[in-house]
């Protein structure tokens, strides 16, 4: 089943060129996924009754033509493929009937009572009616990103109370705010056409975060970690 919804690009979604920022695109994708889950009676309000919830493992996004302020995004999303405890969700964004963004994401089904992954059963599958084999990228699976041996720059980041979401840890899209702390003024002006984010371990309010950055030509590589406890929270790649 392909679920569709519309979102209008607002003023706080764009940069100085009036082009939509990647974080705003991810927010739209996250919200349409939530609405799809709501329509399947598997959304955030249903968690106490069903006893399971989805945990985001990774994102991959590619911008074909960047939307601008005032554009209305028509977003298509669907579940595809199941791997025991995980499933993929793909997205296509259209403006005036033309495809401008594609994305995929991987999610883990978690038993909230045990705090452990649980198998994606037939009941869950039937709620979403997956579109098996319908992938926006040529390669359907997402390999795990690997830590680089050397980074060029490292900056400490203090976790803010405003970063924490309803689950008690940093919201997944606020990881992009951490990355902004090591971007130059010029780098902040240019949104990456390709973004890949892997989430390794949640960030909590008391965690001491260090973000590392490496630049190779037009590509940027980041590692977000806890230097005191030798923990990797996230690995990110941005390419043009």
Protein backbone atom coordinates (compact mmCIF):
# COMPACT_ATOMS: atom_id res chain seq x y z
CA UNK A 1 0.00 0.00 0.00
CA UNK A 2 1.33 3.44 -0.97
CA UNK A 3 0.37 6.15 1.52
CA UNK A 4 0.27 9.77 0.30
CA UNK A 5 0.21 13.12 2.07
CA UNK A 6 1.03 16.77 1.31
CA UNK A 7 3.27 19.24 3.13
CA UNK A 8 3.86 22.92 2.30
CA UNK A 9 7.38 24.34 2.65
CA UNK A 10 7.37 27.05 5.34
CA UNK A 11 9.74 29.91 6.08
CA UNK A 12 11.69 28.06 8.78
CA UNK A 13 12.20 25.12 6.38
CA UNK A 14 14.47 27.03 3.97
CA UNK A 15 17.97 28.51 3.79
CA UNK A 16 19.02 31.95 2.53
CA UNK A 17 18.50 30.76 -1.05
CA UNK A 18 14.89 29.91 -0.11
CA UNK A 19 15.67 26.25 -0.80
CA UNK A 20 14.40 23.59 1.57
CA UNK A 21 16.95 22.32 4.09
CA UNK A 22 17.67 18.62 4.43
CA UNK A 23 16.49 18.58 8.03
CA UNK A 24 13.10 19.92 6.89
CA UNK A 25 12.88 17.19 4.25
CA UNK A 26 13.59 14.53 6.87
CA UNK A 27 10.94 16.06 9.14
CA UNK A 28 8.36 15.76 6.36
CA UNK A 29 9.35 12.13 5.74
CA UNK A 30 9.18 11.33 9.45
CA UNK A 31 5.74 12.90 9.76
CA UNK A 32 4.27 11.13 6.73
CA UNK A 33 5.59 7.83 8.11
CA UNK A 34 3.88 8.60 11.44
CA UNK A 35 0.61 9.36 9.66
CA UNK A 36 0.87 6.12 7.72
CA UNK A 37 1.39 4.24 10.99
CA UNK A 38 -1.61 6.05 12.50
CA UNK A 39 -3.78 5.00 9.56
CA UNK A 40 -2.68 1.40 10.13
CA UNK A 41 -3.60 1.58 13.85
CA UNK A 42 0.07 1.11 14.64
CA UNK A 43 0.98 4.68 15.52
CA UNK A 44 2.26 6.43 18.61
CA UNK A 45 -1.17 6.51 20.29
CA UNK A 46 -1.52 2.74 19.78
CA UNK A 47 1.77 1.80 21.50
CA UNK A 48 0.28 1.04 24.96
CA UNK A 49 -2.25 -1.36 23.43
CA UNK A 50 -0.03 -3.13 20.90
CA UNK A 51 3.13 -3.18 23.07
CA UNK A 52 5.55 -2.44 20.23
CA UNK A 53 7.10 0.60 18.61
CA UNK A 54 9.44 1.39 15.71
CA UNK A 55 13.06 2.47 16.26
CA UNK A 56 14.83 4.22 13.39
CA UNK A 57 18.16 2.64 12.40
CA UNK A 58 19.20 4.65 9.35
CA UNK A 59 18.27 7.16 6.66
CA UNK A 60 19.38 7.60 3.07
CA UNK A 61 18.19 10.61 1.07
CA UNK A 62 18.99 11.91 -2.41
CA UNK A 63 17.82 15.26 -3.78
CA UNK A 64 17.16 15.28 -7.53
CA UNK A 65 15.85 18.87 -7.66
CA UNK A 66 15.62 20.86 -4.44
CA UNK A 67 12.15 22.20 -3.53
CA UNK A 68 11.79 25.88 -2.57
CA UNK A 69 9.80 28.08 -0.24
CA UNK A 70 6.07 27.81 -0.86
CA UNK A 71 6.26 24.51 -2.77
CA UNK A 72 3.73 21.86 -1.87
CA UNK A 73 5.37 18.47 -1.43
CA UNK A 74 3.36 15.41 -2.39
CA UNK A 75 4.99 12.58 -0.48
CA UNK A 76 4.50 8.90 -1.27
CA UNK A 77 5.68 6.29 1.24
CA UNK A 78 5.39 2.54 1.60
CA UNK A 79 6.83 -0.36 3.55
CA UNK A 80 8.92 -2.83 1.58
CA UNK A 81 10.66 -6.03 2.57
CA UNK A 82 10.90 -7.56 6.05
CA UNK A 83 14.05 -8.93 7.71
CA UNK A 84 12.96 -10.71 10.90
CA UNK A 85 12.84 -7.72 13.28
CA UNK A 86 13.37 -4.98 10.68
CA UNK A 87 11.61 -3.42 7.75
CA UNK A 88 12.45 -0.82 5.12
CA UNK A 89 10.32 2.21 4.30
CA UNK A 90 10.82 4.14 1.05
CA UNK A 91 9.73 7.61 -0.02
CA UNK A 92 9.25 9.70 -3.14
CA UNK A 93 8.63 13.45 -3.05
CA UNK A 94 6.92 15.23 -5.93
CA UNK A 95 6.44 18.93 -6.69
CA UNK A 96 3.92 19.75 -9.43
CA UNK A 97 3.97 16.12 -10.51
CA UNK A 98 7.77 15.91 -10.89
CA UNK A 99 9.84 13.64 -8.67
CA UNK A 100 12.43 15.73 -6.81
CA UNK A 101 13.56 13.64 -3.79
CA UNK A 102 13.92 9.93 -3.04
CA UNK A 103 14.72 8.33 0.31
CA UNK A 104 14.77 5.07 2.19
CA UNK A 105 14.91 4.19 5.87
CA UNK A 106 15.33 1.09 8.02
CA UNK A 107 13.32 0.47 11.18
CA UNK A 108 13.56 -1.98 14.06
CA UNK A 109 10.42 -3.27 15.79
CA UNK A 110 10.88 -3.13 19.58
CA UNK A 111 8.87 -4.75 22.37
CA UNK A 112 8.35 -1.87 24.82
CA UNK A 113 7.79 -4.15 27.81
CA UNK A 114 11.00 -6.12 27.35
CA UNK A 115 12.98 -3.32 25.72
CA UNK A 116 14.18 -5.75 23.06
CA UNK A 117 13.74 -6.26 19.31
CA UNK A 118 10.84 -8.46 18.30
CA UNK A 119 9.91 -10.25 15.10
CA UNK A 120 7.78 -8.40 12.55
CA UNK A 121 4.80 -10.77 12.55
CA UNK A 122 1.99 -11.31 10.08
CA UNK A 123 -0.29 -8.98 12.07
CA UNK A 124 2.12 -6.05 11.62
CA UNK A 125 2.75 -6.90 7.96
CA UNK A 126 -0.96 -7.01 7.19
CA UNK A 127 -1.45 -3.53 8.68
CA UNK A 128 1.00 -1.94 6.23
CA UNK A 129 0.48 -4.12 3.13
CA UNK A 130 4.12 -3.87 1.95
CA UNK A 131 5.07 -3.12 -1.64
CA UNK A 132 7.63 -5.92 -1.96
CA UNK A 133 10.47 -5.18 -4.38
CA UNK A 134 9.47 -1.52 -4.93
CA UNK A 135 12.72 0.26 -4.05
CA UNK A 136 13.68 3.85 -4.88
CA UNK A 137 17.40 2.98 -4.94
CA UNK A 138 19.04 0.40 -7.17
CA UNK A 139 20.61 -1.28 -4.14
CA UNK A 140 17.78 -2.25 -1.82
CA UNK A 141 19.80 -3.00 1.34
CA UNK A 142 21.80 -0.46 3.34
CA UNK A 143 25.22 -1.59 4.52
CA UNK A 144 26.38 -0.23 7.87
CA UNK A 145 28.60 2.85 7.70
CA UNK A 146 32.09 2.41 9.13
CA UNK A 147 34.12 4.74 11.33
CA UNK A 148 37.05 6.41 9.55
CA UNK A 149 40.56 5.97 10.93
CA UNK A 150 41.35 9.71 10.94
CA UNK A 151 39.16 12.82 11.23
CA UNK A 152 40.33 16.40 10.55
CA UNK A 153 38.44 18.25 13.26
CA UNK A 154 36.69 17.50 16.55
CA UNK A 155 34.27 19.70 18.50
CA UNK A 156 32.53 19.17 21.84
CA UNK A 157 28.74 19.51 21.94
CA UNK A 158 26.53 20.00 24.98
CA UNK A 159 23.20 18.16 24.78
CA UNK A 160 20.33 20.57 25.36
CA UNK A 161 17.04 19.85 27.10
CA UNK A 162 15.30 20.91 23.89
CA UNK A 163 17.11 18.09 22.04
CA UNK A 164 15.32 15.40 24.07
CA UNK A 165 12.13 13.88 22.64
CA UNK A 166 9.19 11.98 24.14
CA UNK A 167 11.29 8.81 24.31
CA UNK A 168 13.79 10.41 26.70
CA UNK A 169 16.69 10.70 24.27
CA UNK A 170 17.86 13.07 21.54
CA UNK A 171 15.47 13.23 18.61
CA UNK A 172 17.04 11.59 15.56
CA UNK A 173 16.87 14.74 13.40
CA UNK A 174 18.63 16.85 16.02
CA UNK A 175 21.79 14.91 15.16
CA UNK A 176 21.94 17.23 12.13
CA UNK A 177 22.10 20.20 14.53
CA UNK A 178 25.15 18.64 16.16
CA UNK A 179 26.84 18.38 12.77
CA UNK A 180 26.18 22.06 12.08
CA UNK A 181 28.57 22.86 14.95
CA UNK A 182 31.58 21.76 12.86
CA UNK A 183 30.46 23.09 9.48
CA UNK A 184 32.03 26.26 8.10
CA UNK A 185 29.87 29.23 7.07
CA UNK A 186 30.28 28.23 3.42
CA UNK A 187 29.42 24.59 4.12
CA UNK A 188 26.25 25.67 5.94
CA UNK A 189 25.09 27.55 2.82
CA UNK A 190 25.21 24.44 0.60
CA UNK A 191 22.85 21.58 1.41
CA UNK A 192 24.21 18.14 0.50
CA UNK A 193 22.46 16.35 -2.36
CA UNK A 194 23.02 12.96 -0.72
CA UNK A 195 22.75 12.21 3.01
CA UNK A 196 23.25 8.93 4.83
CA UNK A 197 22.76 8.62 8.61
CA UNK A 198 23.32 5.54 10.75
CA UNK A 199 22.15 5.52 14.37
CA UNK A 200 24.20 3.32 16.70
CA UNK A 201 23.19 4.27 20.25
CA UNK A 202 20.74 6.83 21.59
CA UNK A 203 21.99 10.12 23.08
CA UNK A 204 20.73 11.16 26.52
CA UNK A 205 20.79 14.52 28.28
CA UNK A 206 23.78 13.77 30.49
CA UNK A 207 25.96 12.37 27.68
CA UNK A 208 29.17 14.23 26.76
CA UNK A 209 29.23 14.42 22.97
CA UNK A 210 32.08 14.98 20.56
CA UNK A 211 31.50 15.39 16.82
CA UNK A 212 34.35 14.58 14.42
CA UNK A 213 34.55 15.74 10.81
CA UNK A 214 36.56 14.83 7.71
CA UNK A 215 36.44 16.56 4.32
CA UNK A 216 37.32 14.77 1.08
CA UNK A 217 36.69 16.85 -2.06
CA UNK A 218 32.93 17.61 -1.95
CA UNK A 219 32.18 14.88 0.57
CA UNK A 220 31.79 15.28 4.33
CA UNK A 221 32.10 12.50 6.90
CA UNK A 222 31.06 12.75 10.55
CA UNK A 223 31.20 10.66 13.69
CA UNK A 224 29.14 11.58 16.75
CA UNK A 225 30.38 9.88 19.89
CA UNK A 226 30.92 9.95 23.64
CA UNK A 227 34.67 10.35 24.05
CA UNK A 228 34.69 9.54 27.77
CA UNK A 229 32.95 6.19 27.39
CA UNK A 230 34.23 5.25 23.92
CA UNK A 231 30.71 5.08 22.46
CA UNK A 232 29.68 5.76 18.86
CA UNK A 233 26.21 7.30 18.64
CA UNK A 234 26.00 7.97 14.92
CA UNK A 235 27.94 7.97 11.65
CA UNK A 236 26.94 10.38 8.88
CA UNK A 237 27.97 10.92 5.26
CA UNK A 238 27.05 13.92 3.11
CA UNK A 239 27.95 14.03 -0.59
CA UNK A 240 27.50 16.30 -3.57
